[in-house]
Protein backbone atom coordinates (compact mmCIF):
# COMPACT_ATOMS: atom_id res chain seq x y z
CA UNK A 1 0.00 0.00 0.00
CA UNK A 2 2.89 2.39 0.68
CA UNK A 3 3.93 2.07 -2.95
CA UNK A 4 0.47 2.84 -4.31
CA UNK A 5 -0.12 -0.68 -5.59
CA UNK A 6 -3.39 -2.56 -5.63
CA UNK A 7 -3.88 -5.92 -3.93
CA UNK A 8 -3.51 -7.58 -7.33
CA UNK A 9 -0.10 -6.21 -8.33
CA UNK A 10 3.03 -8.28 -7.92
CA UNK A 11 6.53 -7.61 -6.57
CA UNK A 12 7.82 -7.18 -10.11
CA UNK A 13 5.48 -4.19 -10.57
CA UNK A 14 7.68 -2.10 -8.28
CA UNK A 15 10.72 -0.40 -9.85
CA UNK A 16 13.80 -0.87 -7.72
CA UNK A 17 17.59 -0.76 -7.75
CA UNK A 18 20.58 0.05 -5.61
CA UNK A 19 23.39 2.58 -5.30
CA UNK A 20 26.91 1.37 -4.58
CA UNK A 21 30.31 2.99 -4.20
CA UNK A 22 33.11 1.57 -6.36
CA UNK A 23 36.39 2.07 -4.45
CA UNK A 24 38.46 1.03 -7.48
CA UNK A 25 36.78 3.54 -9.81
CA UNK A 26 36.16 6.07 -7.03
CA UNK A 27 32.64 6.65 -8.31
CA UNK A 28 29.09 5.66 -7.44
CA UNK A 29 27.15 3.17 -9.53
CA UNK A 30 23.36 3.27 -9.74
CA UNK A 31 22.06 -0.19 -10.68
CA UNK A 32 18.54 -0.12 -12.10
CA UNK A 33 16.03 -1.83 -14.35
CA UNK A 34 14.89 -1.27 -17.90
CA UNK A 35 12.13 1.23 -17.05
CA UNK A 36 14.26 3.77 -15.17
CA UNK A 37 14.34 7.04 -17.08
CA UNK A 38 17.35 9.36 -17.26
CA UNK A 39 15.32 11.90 -15.29
CA UNK A 40 14.69 9.36 -12.52
CA UNK A 41 18.39 8.45 -12.46
CA UNK A 42 19.25 12.12 -11.99
CA UNK A 43 16.75 12.36 -9.11
CA UNK A 44 18.41 9.35 -7.47
CA UNK A 45 21.84 10.92 -7.89
CA UNK A 46 20.55 14.18 -6.41
CA UNK A 47 18.92 12.38 -3.46
CA UNK A 48 22.19 10.60 -2.62
CA UNK A 49 24.27 13.74 -3.34
CA UNK A 50 26.30 11.88 -5.95
CA UNK A 51 28.78 14.12 -7.73
CA UNK A 52 30.48 11.44 -9.84
CA UNK A 53 28.29 8.49 -10.84
CA UNK A 54 27.33 6.12 -13.61
CA UNK A 55 24.30 3.93 -14.19
CA UNK A 56 24.05 0.28 -15.18
CA UNK A 57 21.07 -1.93 -15.84
CA UNK A 58 20.85 -5.09 -13.77
CA UNK A 59 18.76 -8.11 -14.76
CA UNK A 60 17.46 -8.42 -11.18
CA UNK A 61 15.65 -5.07 -11.50
CA UNK A 62 14.01 -5.61 -14.89
CA UNK A 63 10.30 -5.11 -15.38
CA UNK A 64 7.66 -6.17 -17.87
CA UNK A 65 8.55 -8.77 -20.50
CA UNK A 66 12.25 -8.51 -19.59
CA UNK A 67 11.55 -10.37 -16.32
CA UNK A 68 11.48 -13.64 -18.24
CA UNK A 69 15.19 -13.29 -18.97
CA UNK A 70 15.93 -13.60 -15.26
CA UNK A 71 14.11 -16.92 -15.02
CA UNK A 72 15.33 -18.26 -18.38
CA UNK A 73 18.99 -17.79 -17.47
C-alpha atoms as a PDB file:
ATOM      1  CA  UNK A   1       0.000   0.000   0.000  1.00  0.00           C
ATOM      2  CA  UNK A   2       2.888   2.394   0.680  1.00  0.00           C
ATOM      3  CA  UNK A   3       3.929   2.072  -2.952  1.00  0.00           C
ATOM      4  CA  UNK A   4       0.470   2.843  -4.309  1.00  0.00           C
ATOM      5  CA  UNK A   5      -0.123  -0.684  -5.588  1.00  0.00           C
ATOM      6  CA  UNK A   6      -3.390  -2.561  -5.635  1.00  0.00           C
ATOM      7  CA  UNK A   7      -3.882  -5.923  -3.928  1.00  0.00           C
ATOM      8  CA  UNK A   8      -3.506  -7.584  -7.334  1.00  0.00           C
ATOM      9  CA  UNK A   9      -0.103  -6.210  -8.325  1.00  0.00           C
ATOM     10  CA  UNK A  10       3.035  -8.277  -7.923  1.00  0.00           C
ATOM     11  CA  UNK A  11       6.527  -7.608  -6.569  1.00  0.00           C
ATOM     12  CA  UNK A  12       7.817  -7.178 -10.108  1.00  0.00           C
ATOM     13  CA  UNK A  13       5.477  -4.193 -10.573  1.00  0.00           C
ATOM     14  CA  UNK A  14       7.682  -2.100  -8.284  1.00  0.00           C
ATOM     15  CA  UNK A  15      10.718  -0.396  -9.854  1.00  0.00           C
ATOM     16  CA  UNK A  16      13.803  -0.873  -7.717  1.00  0.00           C
ATOM     17  CA  UNK A  17      17.587  -0.757  -7.747  1.00  0.00           C
ATOM     18  CA  UNK A  18      20.585   0.050  -5.607  1.00  0.00           C
ATOM     19  CA  UNK A  19      23.388   2.576  -5.299  1.00  0.00           C
ATOM     20  CA  UNK A  20      26.911   1.368  -4.577  1.00  0.00           C
ATOM     21  CA  UNK A  21      30.311   2.992  -4.198  1.00  0.00           C
ATOM     22  CA  UNK A  22      33.106   1.568  -6.356  1.00  0.00           C
ATOM     23  CA  UNK A  23      36.386   2.068  -4.454  1.00  0.00           C
ATOM     24  CA  UNK A  24      38.457   1.032  -7.484  1.00  0.00           C
ATOM     25  CA  UNK A  25      36.784   3.540  -9.812  1.00  0.00           C
ATOM     26  CA  UNK A  26      36.163   6.074  -7.030  1.00  0.00           C
ATOM     27  CA  UNK A  27      32.644   6.647  -8.313  1.00  0.00           C
ATOM     28  CA  UNK A  28      29.093   5.660  -7.435  1.00  0.00           C
ATOM     29  CA  UNK A  29      27.151   3.170  -9.526  1.00  0.00           C
ATOM     30  CA  UNK A  30      23.357   3.274  -9.745  1.00  0.00           C
ATOM     31  CA  UNK A  31      22.058  -0.186 -10.681  1.00  0.00           C
ATOM     32  CA  UNK A  32      18.541  -0.121 -12.096  1.00  0.00           C
ATOM     33  CA  UNK A  33      16.027  -1.832 -14.349  1.00  0.00           C
ATOM     34  CA  UNK A  34      14.886  -1.269 -17.896  1.00  0.00           C
ATOM     35  CA  UNK A  35      12.135   1.230 -17.050  1.00  0.00           C
ATOM     36  CA  UNK A  36      14.259   3.770 -15.171  1.00  0.00           C
ATOM     37  CA  UNK A  37      14.340   7.040 -17.080  1.00  0.00           C
ATOM     38  CA  UNK A  38      17.353   9.362 -17.255  1.00  0.00           C
ATOM     39  CA  UNK A  39      15.318  11.904 -15.289  1.00  0.00           C
ATOM     40  CA  UNK A  40      14.694   9.364 -12.516  1.00  0.00           C
ATOM     41  CA  UNK A  41      18.392   8.450 -12.457  1.00  0.00           C
ATOM     42  CA  UNK A  42      19.254  12.122 -11.992  1.00  0.00           C
ATOM     43  CA  UNK A  43      16.750  12.362  -9.109  1.00  0.00           C
ATOM     44  CA  UNK A  44      18.408   9.348  -7.473  1.00  0.00           C
ATOM     45  CA  UNK A  45      21.844  10.924  -7.889  1.00  0.00           C
ATOM     46  CA  UNK A  46      20.548  14.177  -6.410  1.00  0.00           C
ATOM     47  CA  UNK A  47      18.919  12.381  -3.463  1.00  0.00           C
ATOM     48  CA  UNK A  48      22.187  10.603  -2.625  1.00  0.00           C
ATOM     49  CA  UNK A  49      24.272  13.743  -3.340  1.00  0.00           C
ATOM     50  CA  UNK A  50      26.296  11.882  -5.953  1.00  0.00           C
ATOM     51  CA  UNK A  51      28.783  14.119  -7.735  1.00  0.00           C
ATOM     52  CA  UNK A  52      30.480  11.441  -9.844  1.00  0.00           C
ATOM     53  CA  UNK A  53      28.288   8.493 -10.837  1.00  0.00           C
ATOM     54  CA  UNK A  54      27.326   6.119 -13.606  1.00  0.00           C
ATOM     55  CA  UNK A  55      24.297   3.928 -14.194  1.00  0.00           C
ATOM     56  CA  UNK A  56      24.045   0.282 -15.181  1.00  0.00           C
ATOM     57  CA  UNK A  57      21.067  -1.929 -15.842  1.00  0.00           C
ATOM     58  CA  UNK A  58      20.851  -5.086 -13.775  1.00  0.00           C
ATOM     59  CA  UNK A  59      18.759  -8.106 -14.757  1.00  0.00           C
ATOM     60  CA  UNK A  60      17.461  -8.415 -11.180  1.00  0.00           C
ATOM     61  CA  UNK A  61      15.654  -5.073 -11.503  1.00  0.00           C
ATOM     62  CA  UNK A  62      14.010  -5.611 -14.894  1.00  0.00           C
ATOM     63  CA  UNK A  63      10.298  -5.114 -15.381  1.00  0.00           C
ATOM     64  CA  UNK A  64       7.656  -6.168 -17.870  1.00  0.00           C
ATOM     65  CA  UNK A  65       8.551  -8.766 -20.498  1.00  0.00           C
ATOM     66  CA  UNK A  66      12.249  -8.513 -19.591  1.00  0.00           C
ATOM     67  CA  UNK A  67      11.555 -10.366 -16.320  1.00  0.00           C
ATOM     68  CA  UNK A  68      11.479 -13.641 -18.244  1.00  0.00           C
ATOM     69  CA  UNK A  69      15.189 -13.293 -18.974  1.00  0.00           C
ATOM     70  CA  UNK A  70      15.931 -13.600 -15.261  1.00  0.00           C
ATOM     71  CA  UNK A  71      14.111 -16.923 -15.020  1.00  0.00           C
ATOM     72  CA  UNK A  72      15.331 -18.258 -18.381  1.00  0.00           C
ATOM     73  CA  UNK A  73      18.994 -17.789 -17.467  1.00  0.00           C
END
